[in-house]
Amino acid sequence: MGQIAAHSYQIDAKNVMMPFGEVLEVADKLSLNEQETLIEVLQRRIIERRREKLAEETQDAQQEFLAGHCQPATPAELMKEILL
C-alpha cells in the first residue's frame, strides 16, 4: 500500500455528509497512488462491515433457535418449503 502525502486540510468524517458526486470529485483530485490507496482502504472496510453484519445475523439466528422460534430442517425440507 502506498503512502499518502500530507495535506493542509482535514475532514472530520463523523460530522460531515457529502453528496456522492462531491465525494467522487474530491477522489478525482487525488493522485493515482492516493486513489489506489483509497480503494484498498475502502475494500478492507467493506469486508470488515460485511463480517460484522454476518456475525450479528448469525448471533441473532442462534438466539432465535435457542428461544424456540426456529426448527431444524434438512436442505431438502427447506427447498420443498421454498418451492411451495
Protein backbone atom coordinates (compact mmCIF):
# COMPACT_ATOMS: atom_id res chain seq x y z
CA MET A 1 0.00 0.00 0.00
CA GLY A 2 1.36 3.41 -0.91
CA GLN A 3 1.83 6.33 1.40
CA ILE A 4 -0.49 9.29 1.33
CA ALA A 5 1.11 12.72 1.16
CA ALA A 6 0.29 15.15 3.97
CA HIS A 7 -2.31 17.73 3.02
CA SER A 8 -3.15 21.08 4.56
CA TYR A 9 -6.82 20.15 5.02
CA GLN A 10 -8.62 17.74 7.27
CA ILE A 11 -12.14 16.35 7.16
CA ASP A 12 -13.98 15.21 10.26
CA ALA A 13 -15.90 12.38 8.59
CA LYS A 14 -18.14 11.84 11.61
CA ASN A 15 -19.67 15.29 11.28
CA VAL A 16 -19.62 15.84 7.52
CA MET A 17 -22.02 14.37 5.00
CA MET A 18 -21.08 14.96 1.38
CA PRO A 19 -23.22 14.13 -1.64
CA PHE A 20 -21.82 11.17 -3.54
CA GLY A 21 -20.97 13.33 -6.57
CA GLU A 22 -18.84 15.60 -4.40
CA VAL A 23 -17.04 12.59 -2.94
CA LEU A 24 -16.20 11.46 -6.48
CA GLU A 25 -14.96 14.94 -7.39
CA VAL A 26 -12.67 15.01 -4.35
CA ALA A 27 -11.40 11.49 -5.17
CA ASP A 28 -10.64 12.63 -8.73
CA LYS A 29 -8.32 15.29 -7.30
CA LEU A 30 -6.21 12.69 -5.52
CA SER A 31 -3.07 11.36 -7.14
CA LEU A 32 -3.27 7.94 -8.78
CA ASN A 33 -1.37 6.43 -5.85
CA GLU A 34 -3.77 8.04 -3.36
CA GLN A 35 -6.78 6.78 -5.35
CA GLU A 36 -5.38 3.24 -5.28
CA THR A 37 -4.78 3.51 -1.54
CA LEU A 38 -8.31 4.85 -1.05
CA ILE A 39 -9.72 1.86 -2.93
CA GLU A 40 -7.69 -0.55 -0.79
CA VAL A 41 -8.85 1.11 2.43
CA LEU A 42 -12.50 1.13 1.33
CA GLN A 43 -12.34 -2.52 0.26
CA ARG A 44 -10.94 -3.54 3.67
CA ARG A 45 -13.64 -1.52 5.44
CA ILE A 46 -16.38 -3.08 3.32
CA ILE A 47 -15.06 -6.57 4.08
CA GLU A 48 -14.98 -5.79 7.81
CA ARG A 49 -18.53 -4.37 7.77
CA ARG A 50 -19.78 -7.50 5.96
CA ARG A 51 -18.04 -9.71 8.53
CA GLU A 52 -19.62 -7.74 11.37
CA LYS A 53 -23.06 -7.99 9.77
CA LEU A 54 -22.69 -11.73 9.20
CA ALA A 55 -21.58 -12.27 12.80
CA GLU A 56 -24.55 -10.23 14.04
CA GLU A 57 -27.01 -12.17 11.84
CA THR A 58 -25.51 -15.46 12.98
CA GLN A 59 -25.84 -14.48 16.63
CA ASP A 60 -29.47 -13.39 16.06
CA ALA A 61 -30.27 -16.68 14.32
CA GLN A 62 -28.71 -18.68 17.16
CA GLN A 63 -30.76 -16.75 19.73
CA GLU A 64 -33.96 -17.30 17.71
CA PHE A 65 -33.19 -21.01 17.53
CA LEU A 66 -32.48 -21.25 21.27
CA ALA A 67 -35.71 -19.37 22.01
CA GLY A 68 -37.62 -21.99 20.02
CA HIS A 69 -38.58 -19.69 17.15
CA CYS A 70 -36.95 -22.00 14.58
CA GLN A 71 -36.99 -25.68 13.88
CA PRO A 72 -34.10 -27.69 12.46
CA ALA A 73 -34.60 -28.71 8.83
CA THR A 74 -32.69 -30.58 6.19
CA PRO A 75 -31.74 -28.84 2.94
CA ALA A 76 -34.35 -30.95 1.14
CA GLU A 77 -37.05 -29.78 3.57
CA LEU A 78 -36.02 -26.15 3.09
CA MET A 79 -36.14 -26.47 -0.70
CA LYS A 80 -39.55 -28.15 -0.54
CA GLU A 81 -40.86 -25.28 1.61
CA ILE A 82 -39.34 -22.62 -0.66
CA LEU A 83 -40.74 -24.15 -3.84
CA LEU A 84 -44.30 -24.50 -2.50
